[in-house]
C-alpha atoms as a PDB file:
ATOM      1  CA  MET A   1     -24.291  10.086 -15.050  1.00  0.00           C
ATOM      2  CA  GLN A   2     -25.369   8.216 -11.935  1.00  0.00           C
ATOM      3  CA  LEU A   3     -28.941   8.686 -10.714  1.00  0.00           C
ATOM      4  CA  ARG A   4     -29.844   8.136  -7.085  1.00  0.00           C
ATOM      5  CA  ALA A   5     -33.543   8.202  -6.242  1.00  0.00           C
ATOM      6  CA  VAL A   6     -34.651   9.054  -2.712  1.00  0.00           C
ATOM      7  CA  LYS A   7     -38.069   9.392  -1.164  1.00  0.00           C
ATOM      8  CA  ASN A   8     -38.166  13.097  -0.382  1.00  0.00           C
ATOM      9  CA  TYR A   9     -36.268  16.357   0.071  1.00  0.00           C
ATOM     10  CA  GLU A  10     -34.986  15.443   3.535  1.00  0.00           C
ATOM     11  CA  GLU A  11     -33.507  12.162   2.327  1.00  0.00           C
ATOM     12  CA  MET A  12     -31.910  14.004  -0.593  1.00  0.00           C
ATOM     13  CA  SER A  13     -30.287  16.473   1.806  1.00  0.00           C
ATOM     14  CA  ILE A  14     -29.051  13.758   4.187  1.00  0.00           C
ATOM     15  CA  LEU A  15     -27.528  11.666   1.394  1.00  0.00           C
ATOM     16  CA  ALA A  16     -25.844  14.670  -0.212  1.00  0.00           C
ATOM     17  CA  SER A  17     -24.430  15.695   3.150  1.00  0.00           C
ATOM     18  CA  SER A  18     -22.987  12.258   3.850  1.00  0.00           C
ATOM     19  CA  MET A  19     -21.328  12.210   0.414  1.00  0.00           C
ATOM     20  CA  LEU A  20     -19.823  15.654   0.943  1.00  0.00           C
ATOM     21  CA  VAL A  21     -18.606  14.895   4.460  1.00  0.00           C
ATOM     22  CA  GLU A  22     -16.938  11.721   3.203  1.00  0.00           C
ATOM     23  CA  LYS A  23     -15.099  13.772   0.563  1.00  0.00           C
ATOM     24  CA  VAL A  24     -14.082  16.485   3.036  1.00  0.00           C
ATOM     25  CA  ASN A  25     -12.726  13.911   5.473  1.00  0.00           C
ATOM     26  CA  LYS A  26     -10.855  12.060   2.730  1.00  0.00           C
ATOM     27  CA  LEU A  27      -9.068  14.940   1.000  1.00  0.00           C
ATOM     28  CA  GLU A  28      -6.171  16.879   2.477  1.00  0.00           C
ATOM     29  CA  ARG A  29      -7.254  20.246   1.000  1.00  0.00           C
ATOM     30  CA  PRO A  30     -10.766  19.872  -0.421  1.00  0.00           C
ATOM     31  CA  VAL A  31     -12.148  22.603  -2.665  1.00  0.00           C
ATOM     32  CA  LEU A  32     -15.940  22.692  -2.777  1.00  0.00           C
ATOM     33  CA  GLY A  33     -18.110  24.490  -5.299  1.00  0.00           C
ATOM     34  CA  LEU A  34     -21.261  25.702  -3.558  1.00  0.00           C
ATOM     35  CA  ALA A  35     -24.702  26.763  -4.740  1.00  0.00           C
ATOM     36  CA  THR A  36     -27.515  28.895  -3.341  1.00  0.00           C
ATOM     37  CA  GLY A  37     -31.300  28.953  -3.575  1.00  0.00           C
ATOM     38  CA  SER A  38     -33.822  26.766  -1.784  1.00  0.00           C
ATOM     39  CA  THR A  39     -32.562  23.379  -3.026  1.00  0.00           C
ATOM     40  CA  PRO A  40     -29.266  23.206  -1.061  1.00  0.00           C
ATOM     41  CA  GLU A  41     -30.636  24.658   2.186  1.00  0.00           C
ATOM     42  CA  GLY A  42     -31.339  21.201   3.568  1.00  0.00           C
ATOM     43  CA  LEU A  43     -27.830  20.089   2.639  1.00  0.00           C
ATOM     44  CA  TYR A  44     -26.316  22.995   4.570  1.00  0.00           C
ATOM     45  CA  LYS A  45     -28.471  22.226   7.602  1.00  0.00           C
ATOM     46  CA  GLN A  46     -27.198  18.644   7.546  1.00  0.00           C
ATOM     47  CA  LEU A  47     -23.576  19.782   7.202  1.00  0.00           C
ATOM     48  CA  ILE A  48     -24.019  22.012  10.264  1.00  0.00           C
ATOM     49  CA  LYS A  49     -25.524  19.069  12.148  1.00  0.00           C
ATOM     50  CA  GLN A  50     -22.581  16.832  11.261  1.00  0.00           C
ATOM     51  CA  TYR A  51     -20.154  19.557  12.301  1.00  0.00           C
ATOM     52  CA  GLU A  52     -21.914  19.998  15.654  1.00  0.00           C
ATOM     53  CA  GLU A  53     -21.706  16.231  16.147  1.00  0.00           C
ATOM     54  CA  LYS A  54     -17.934  16.500  15.496  1.00  0.00           C
ATOM     55  CA  LYS A  55     -18.114  14.256  12.437  1.00  0.00           C
ATOM     56  CA  VAL A  56     -16.443  16.827  10.214  1.00  0.00           C
ATOM     57  CA  SER A  57     -14.275  19.939  10.352  1.00  0.00           C
ATOM     58  CA  PHE A  58     -14.080  22.613   7.675  1.00  0.00           C
ATOM     59  CA  GLN A  59     -10.770  24.105   8.820  1.00  0.00           C
ATOM     60  CA  HIS A  60      -8.969  22.724   5.759  1.00  0.00           C
ATOM     61  CA  VAL A  61     -11.790  23.364   3.256  1.00  0.00           C
ATOM     62  CA  LYS A  62     -11.891  26.096   0.627  1.00  0.00           C
ATOM     63  CA  THR A  63     -15.114  27.051  -1.127  1.00  0.00           C
ATOM     64  CA  PHE A  64     -16.078  28.803  -4.339  1.00  0.00           C
ATOM     65  CA  ASN A  65     -19.665  29.785  -4.987  1.00  0.00           C
ATOM     66  CA  LEU A  66     -21.224  29.483  -8.406  1.00  0.00           C
ATOM     67  CA  ASP A  67     -22.491  33.030  -8.671  1.00  0.00           C
ATOM     68  CA  GLU A  68     -23.447  36.365  -7.188  1.00  0.00           C
ATOM     69  CA  TYR A  69     -25.883  39.113  -8.152  1.00  0.00           C
ATOM     70  CA  VAL A  70     -24.484  42.283  -9.668  1.00  0.00           C
ATOM     71  CA  GLY A  71     -25.106  45.440  -7.668  1.00  0.00           C
ATOM     72  CA  LEU A  72     -25.541  43.883  -4.223  1.00  0.00           C
ATOM     73  CA  ASN A  73     -22.853  44.344  -1.579  1.00  0.00           C
ATOM     74  CA  LYS A  74     -21.826  41.590   0.822  1.00  0.00           C
ATOM     75  CA  GLN A  75     -24.028  42.934   3.615  1.00  0.00           C
ATOM     76  CA  ASP A  76     -27.204  42.971   1.521  1.00  0.00           C
ATOM     77  CA  GLU A  77     -29.576  40.313   2.848  1.00  0.00           C
ATOM     78  CA  GLN A  78     -30.396  39.220  -0.717  1.00  0.00           C
ATOM     79  CA  SER A  79     -26.751  38.745  -1.703  1.00  0.00           C
ATOM     80  CA  TYR A  80     -25.319  35.277  -1.923  1.00  0.00           C
ATOM     81  CA  HIS A  81     -22.493  36.373   0.399  1.00  0.00           C
ATOM     82  CA  TYR A  82     -25.149  36.943   3.064  1.00  0.00           C
ATOM     83  CA  TYR A  83     -26.985  33.714   2.180  1.00  0.00           C
ATOM     84  CA  MET A  84     -23.869  31.574   2.551  1.00  0.00           C
ATOM     85  CA  LYS A  85     -22.859  33.197   5.828  1.00  0.00           C
ATOM     86  CA  ASP A  86     -26.378  32.806   7.212  1.00  0.00           C
ATOM     87  CA  LYS A  87     -27.029  29.260   5.974  1.00  0.00           C
ATOM     88  CA  LEU A  88     -23.615  27.700   6.538  1.00  0.00           C
ATOM     89  CA  PHE A  89     -20.399  29.620   7.145  1.00  0.00           C
ATOM     90  CA  ARG A  90     -21.152  31.253  10.506  1.00  0.00           C
ATOM     91  CA  HIS A  91     -22.245  27.897  11.918  1.00  0.00           C
ATOM     92  CA  VAL A  92     -19.068  25.936  11.126  1.00  0.00           C
ATOM     93  CA  ASP A  93     -15.294  26.353  11.555  1.00  0.00           C
ATOM     94  CA  ILE A  94     -14.330  27.332   8.010  1.00  0.00           C
ATOM     95  CA  PRO A  95     -11.742  30.162   8.024  1.00  0.00           C
ATOM     96  CA  GLU A  96     -13.110  33.362   6.515  1.00  0.00           C
ATOM     97  CA  GLN A  97     -10.170  33.629   4.113  1.00  0.00           C
ATOM     98  CA  HIS A  98     -11.043  30.204   2.662  1.00  0.00           C
ATOM     99  CA  VAL A  99     -14.435  31.423   1.443  1.00  0.00           C
ATOM    100  CA  HIS A 100     -14.746  32.797  -2.097  1.00  0.00           C
ATOM    101  CA  LEU A 101     -17.690  34.355  -3.919  1.00  0.00           C
ATOM    102  CA  PRO A 102     -17.703  36.690  -6.918  1.00  0.00           C
ATOM    103  CA  ASN A 103     -17.837  40.372  -5.986  1.00  0.00           C
ATOM    104  CA  GLY A 104     -21.015  41.664  -7.581  1.00  0.00           C
ATOM    105  CA  ALA A 105     -20.228  45.181  -6.381  1.00  0.00           C
ATOM    106  CA  ALA A 106     -16.813  45.314  -8.093  1.00  0.00           C
ATOM    107  CA  THR A 107     -15.983  48.478 -10.015  1.00  0.00           C
ATOM    108  CA  ASN A 108     -14.678  46.467 -12.985  1.00  0.00           C
ATOM    109  CA  LEU A 109     -16.881  43.405 -13.421  1.00  0.00           C
ATOM    110  CA  ASP A 110     -14.886  41.946 -16.321  1.00  0.00           C
ATOM    111  CA  GLU A 111     -11.711  42.050 -14.243  1.00  0.00           C
ATOM    112  CA  GLU A 112     -13.570  40.471 -11.321  1.00  0.00           C
ATOM    113  CA  CYS A 113     -14.630  37.574 -13.557  1.00  0.00           C
ATOM    114  CA  LYS A 114     -11.028  36.988 -14.679  1.00  0.00           C
ATOM    115  CA  ALA A 115      -9.737  37.234 -11.105  1.00  0.00           C
ATOM    116  CA  TYR A 116     -12.328  34.737  -9.842  1.00  0.00           C
ATOM    117  CA  GLU A 117     -11.405  32.275 -12.570  1.00  0.00           C
ATOM    118  CA  SER A 118      -7.739  32.666 -11.612  1.00  0.00           C
ATOM    119  CA  ARG A 119      -8.455  32.036  -7.929  1.00  0.00           C
ATOM    120  CA  ILE A 120     -10.182  28.758  -8.769  1.00  0.00           C
ATOM    121  CA  LYS A 121      -7.173  27.617 -10.823  1.00  0.00           C
ATOM    122  CA  GLU A 122      -4.685  28.733  -8.169  1.00  0.00           C
ATOM    123  CA  ASN A 123      -6.428  26.463  -5.665  1.00  0.00           C
ATOM    124  CA  GLY A 124      -6.226  23.434  -7.913  1.00  0.00           C
ATOM    125  CA  GLY A 125      -9.761  23.480  -9.279  1.00  0.00           C
ATOM    126  CA  ILE A 126     -12.964  22.292  -7.681  1.00  0.00           C
ATOM    127  CA  ASP A 127     -13.153  18.791  -6.233  1.00  0.00           C
ATOM    128  CA  VAL A 128     -16.944  18.620  -5.840  1.00  0.00           C
ATOM    129  CA  GLN A 129     -19.364  21.095  -7.389  1.00  0.00           C
ATOM    130  CA  ILE A 130     -22.881  21.297  -5.974  1.00  0.00           C
ATOM    131  CA  LEU A 131     -25.486  22.125  -8.623  1.00  0.00           C
ATOM    132  CA  GLY A 132     -29.199  22.603  -8.977  1.00  0.00           C
ATOM    133  CA  ILE A 133     -31.069  22.883 -12.256  1.00  0.00           C
ATOM    134  CA  GLY A 134     -33.411  25.617 -13.424  1.00  0.00           C
ATOM    135  CA  LEU A 135     -36.694  24.972 -15.192  1.00  0.00           C
ATOM    136  CA  ASN A 136     -35.088  26.246 -18.418  1.00  0.00           C
ATOM    137  CA  GLY A 137     -32.007  24.081 -17.888  1.00  0.00           C
ATOM    138  CA  HIS A 138     -29.739  26.750 -16.486  1.00  0.00           C
ATOM    139  CA  ILE A 139     -26.872  25.686 -14.253  1.00  0.00           C
ATOM    140  CA  GLY A 140     -25.365  28.423 -12.151  1.00  0.00           C
ATOM    141  CA  PHE A 141     -26.716  31.482 -13.931  1.00  0.00           C
ATOM    142  CA  ASN A 142     -25.793  30.114 -17.348  1.00  0.00           C
ATOM    143  CA  GLU A 143     -28.983  30.757 -19.289  1.00  0.00           C
ATOM    144  CA  PRO A 144     -30.061  28.986 -22.515  1.00  0.00           C
ATOM    145  CA  GLY A 145     -27.766  29.998 -25.354  1.00  0.00           C
ATOM    146  CA  THR A 146     -24.659  30.274 -23.176  1.00  0.00           C
ATOM    147  CA  SER A 147     -21.576  28.845 -24.890  1.00  0.00           C
ATOM    148  CA  PHE A 148     -20.383  25.502 -23.574  1.00  0.00           C
ATOM    149  CA  SER A 149     -16.858  26.975 -23.683  1.00  0.00           C
ATOM    150  CA  SER A 150     -17.744  29.877 -21.351  1.00  0.00           C
ATOM    151  CA  ARG A 151     -15.670  30.689 -18.287  1.00  0.00           C
ATOM    152  CA  THR A 152     -16.635  32.926 -15.353  1.00  0.00           C
ATOM    153  CA  HIS A 153     -18.580  35.795 -16.910  1.00  0.00           C
ATOM    154  CA  LEU A 154     -21.201  38.519 -16.577  1.00  0.00           C
ATOM    155  CA  VAL A 155     -24.702  37.401 -17.556  1.00  0.00           C
ATOM    156  CA  ASP A 156     -28.082  39.004 -18.170  1.00  0.00           C
ATOM    157  CA  LEU A 157     -30.653  37.004 -16.213  1.00  0.00           C
ATOM    158  CA  ALA A 158     -33.574  35.567 -18.154  1.00  0.00           C
ATOM    159  CA  PRO A 159     -37.057  36.788 -17.176  1.00  0.00           C
ATOM    160  CA  SER A 160     -37.962  33.248 -16.077  1.00  0.00           C
ATOM    161  CA  THR A 161     -34.940  33.098 -13.767  1.00  0.00           C
ATOM    162  CA  ARG A 162     -35.705  36.480 -12.233  1.00  0.00           C
ATOM    163  CA  GLN A 163     -39.329  35.401 -11.751  1.00  0.00           C
ATOM    164  CA  ALA A 164     -38.236  32.162 -10.061  1.00  0.00           C
ATOM    165  CA  ASN A 165     -35.968  34.099  -7.692  1.00  0.00           C
ATOM    166  CA  ALA A 166     -38.506  36.842  -6.976  1.00  0.00           C
ATOM    167  CA  ARG A 167     -39.816  34.850  -3.996  1.00  0.00           C
ATOM    168  CA  PHE A 168     -36.620  35.803  -2.140  1.00  0.00           C
ATOM    169  CA  PHE A 169     -37.248  39.532  -2.711  1.00  0.00           C
ATOM    170  CA  THR A 170     -40.122  41.852  -1.819  1.00  0.00           C
ATOM    171  CA  SER A 171     -40.917  42.363  -5.514  1.00  0.00           C
ATOM    172  CA  LEU A 172     -39.788  41.278  -8.974  1.00  0.00           C
ATOM    173  CA  GLU A 173     -38.459  44.784  -9.604  1.00  0.00           C
ATOM    174  CA  GLN A 174     -35.910  44.294  -6.816  1.00  0.00           C
ATOM    175  CA  VAL A 175     -34.394  41.183  -8.414  1.00  0.00           C
ATOM    176  CA  PRO A 176     -31.102  42.186 -10.073  1.00  0.00           C
ATOM    177  CA  GLU A 177     -30.969  41.909 -13.856  1.00  0.00           C
ATOM    178  CA  GLN A 178     -27.367  40.711 -13.989  1.00  0.00           C
ATOM    179  CA  ALA A 179     -25.072  38.307 -12.178  1.00  0.00           C
ATOM    180  CA  ILE A 180     -21.529  36.982 -12.252  1.00  0.00           C
ATOM    181  CA  THR A 181     -21.481  33.225 -12.733  1.00  0.00           C
ATOM    182  CA  MET A 182     -18.982  30.455 -13.232  1.00  0.00           C
ATOM    183  CA  GLY A 183     -19.088  29.501 -16.894  1.00  0.00           C
ATOM    184  CA  ILE A 184     -20.203  26.144 -18.205  1.00  0.00           C
ATOM    185  CA  ASP A 185     -16.643  25.091 -19.002  1.00  0.00           C
ATOM    186  CA  THR A 186     -15.590  26.192 -15.509  1.00  0.00           C
ATOM    187  CA  ILE A 187     -18.270  23.932 -14.026  1.00  0.00           C
ATOM    188  CA  MET A 188     -17.311  21.066 -16.342  1.00  0.00           C
ATOM    189  CA  GLN A 189     -13.692  21.272 -15.129  1.00  0.00           C
ATOM    190  CA  SER A 190     -14.857  20.197 -11.648  1.00  0.00           C
ATOM    191  CA  LYS A 191     -13.585  16.734 -10.759  1.00  0.00           C
ATOM    192  CA  GLU A 192     -17.007  15.676  -9.517  1.00  0.00           C
ATOM    193  CA  ILE A 193     -20.487  17.172  -9.806  1.00  0.00           C
ATOM    194  CA  LEU A 194     -23.306  16.548  -7.341  1.00  0.00           C
ATOM    195  CA  LEU A 195     -26.638  17.763  -8.702  1.00  0.00           C
ATOM    196  CA  LEU A 196     -29.576  18.010  -6.308  1.00  0.00           C
ATOM    197  CA  VAL A 197     -33.148  18.162  -7.515  1.00  0.00           C
ATOM    198  CA  SER A 198     -36.478  18.021  -5.727  1.00  0.00           C
ATOM    199  CA  GLY A 199     -40.123  18.393  -6.666  1.00  0.00           C
ATOM    200  CA  GLU A 200     -42.440  17.564  -9.539  1.00  0.00           C
ATOM    201  CA  LYS A 201     -41.942  20.953 -11.214  1.00  0.00           C
ATOM    202  CA  LYS A 202     -38.341  19.971 -11.999  1.00  0.00           C
ATOM    203  CA  ALA A 203     -39.243  16.599 -13.545  1.00  0.00           C
ATOM    204  CA  LYS A 204     -39.305  17.782 -17.186  1.00  0.00           C
ATOM    205  CA  ALA A 205     -35.989  19.570 -16.814  1.00  0.00           C
ATOM    206  CA  VAL A 206     -34.354  16.496 -15.269  1.00  0.00           C
ATOM    207  CA  ALA A 207     -35.674  14.224 -18.017  1.00  0.00           C
ATOM    208  CA  ARG A 208     -34.355  16.555 -20.712  1.00  0.00           C
ATOM    209  CA  MET A 209     -30.987  16.851 -18.942  1.00  0.00           C
ATOM    210  CA  VAL A 210     -30.567  13.080 -18.773  1.00  0.00           C
ATOM    211  CA  GLU A 211     -32.190  11.919 -22.007  1.00  0.00           C
ATOM    212  CA  GLY A 212     -32.408  14.957 -24.298  1.00  0.00           C
ATOM    213  CA  ASP A 213     -30.084  16.268 -26.989  1.00  0.00           C
ATOM    214  CA  ILE A 214     -26.910  18.012 -25.882  1.00  0.00           C
ATOM    215  CA  THR A 215     -27.515  21.611 -26.855  1.00  0.00           C
ATOM    216  CA  GLU A 216     -26.564  25.081 -25.660  1.00  0.00           C
ATOM    217  CA  GLU A 217     -30.286  25.856 -25.644  1.00  0.00           C
ATOM    218  CA  PHE A 218     -30.496  23.609 -22.575  1.00  0.00           C
ATOM    219  CA  PRO A 219     -27.243  24.186 -20.646  1.00  0.00           C
ATOM    220  CA  ALA A 220     -27.595  21.273 -18.195  1.00  0.00           C
ATOM    221  CA  SER A 221     -27.548  18.817 -21.111  1.00  0.00           C
ATOM    222  CA  ILE A 222     -23.738  19.184 -21.274  1.00  0.00           C
ATOM    223  CA  LEU A 223     -23.520  17.258 -18.001  1.00  0.00           C
ATOM    224  CA  GLN A 224     -24.077  14.096 -20.050  1.00  0.00           C
ATOM    225  CA  LYS A 225     -20.459  14.507 -21.145  1.00  0.00           C
ATOM    226  CA  HIS A 226     -18.962  14.874 -17.665  1.00  0.00           C
ATOM    227  CA  PRO A 227     -17.251  11.681 -16.436  1.00  0.00           C
ATOM    228  CA  ASN A 228     -18.375  11.953 -12.818  1.00  0.00           C
ATOM    229  CA  VAL A 229     -21.879  13.354 -12.270  1.00  0.00           C
ATOM    230  CA  ARG A 230     -24.144  12.105  -9.517  1.00  0.00           C
ATOM    231  CA  VAL A 231     -27.768  13.207  -9.470  1.00  0.00           C
ATOM    232  CA  ILE A 232     -29.707  12.870  -6.228  1.00  0.00           C
ATOM    233  CA  GLY A 233     -33.401  13.419  -6.782  1.00  0.00           C
ATOM    234  CA  ASP A 234     -36.619  12.695  -4.963  1.00  0.00           C
ATOM    235  CA  GLU A 235     -39.331  10.535  -6.481  1.00  0.00           C
ATOM    236  CA  ALA A 236     -41.244  13.519  -7.858  1.00  0.00           C
ATOM    237  CA  ALA A 237     -38.237  15.052  -9.598  1.00  0.00           C
ATOM    238  CA  LEU A 238     -37.253  11.743 -11.223  1.00  0.00           C
ATOM    239  CA  SER A 239     -40.800  10.710 -12.077  1.00  0.00           C
ATOM    240  CA  LEU A 240     -40.421  11.123 -15.869  1.00  0.00           C
ATOM    241  CA  LEU A 241     -37.320   8.930 -16.140  1.00  0.00           C
END
């Protein structure tokens, strides 16, 4: 696990963007695993900037998002479909058919999970997976106690995760109780993982991820076993290391 310390959130976003653009420009058919939430917003802004400056094209890129809420359709402003379109996709030249997110409004959620897993495999797996880390160590929506052997699956969201995401909704009651998420083993199959972390409130989680025991009670700890993980964190987030 390689740690890269930067001064602040903006530097984190710029560095992550440059790494991702380098990968996109290098590979013939890059497959990117994308994340949502507040942490990667700066990264997406930088990717748009580099696209507008003609330093990168996304015509040959395919993307798979980590997760999606259950019960929200693609047009819902709180869905991750909407988030990705608003924060990145509509601003760059990625073909619509190259974009993949789980369908949280599917009639058969178990079948949707299996189909999503199959689509990832059919496209050769993920070259670079963007991750954040939750205060309880969740990666994607894989909460503490999730099996390290899990593949894309339906998950009940922990109260702490719903509380953390409530800031994006008008009330906690509106935060969905379930989501579809890539499993931990699905994430670990990625060729490279780029984990972004910012802020003092994440410092304990980062320290436990890097130096703590590898346990399913802290999902991010499994990243210690991945051969190619790069962590970009600001000074506050890495302050306990």
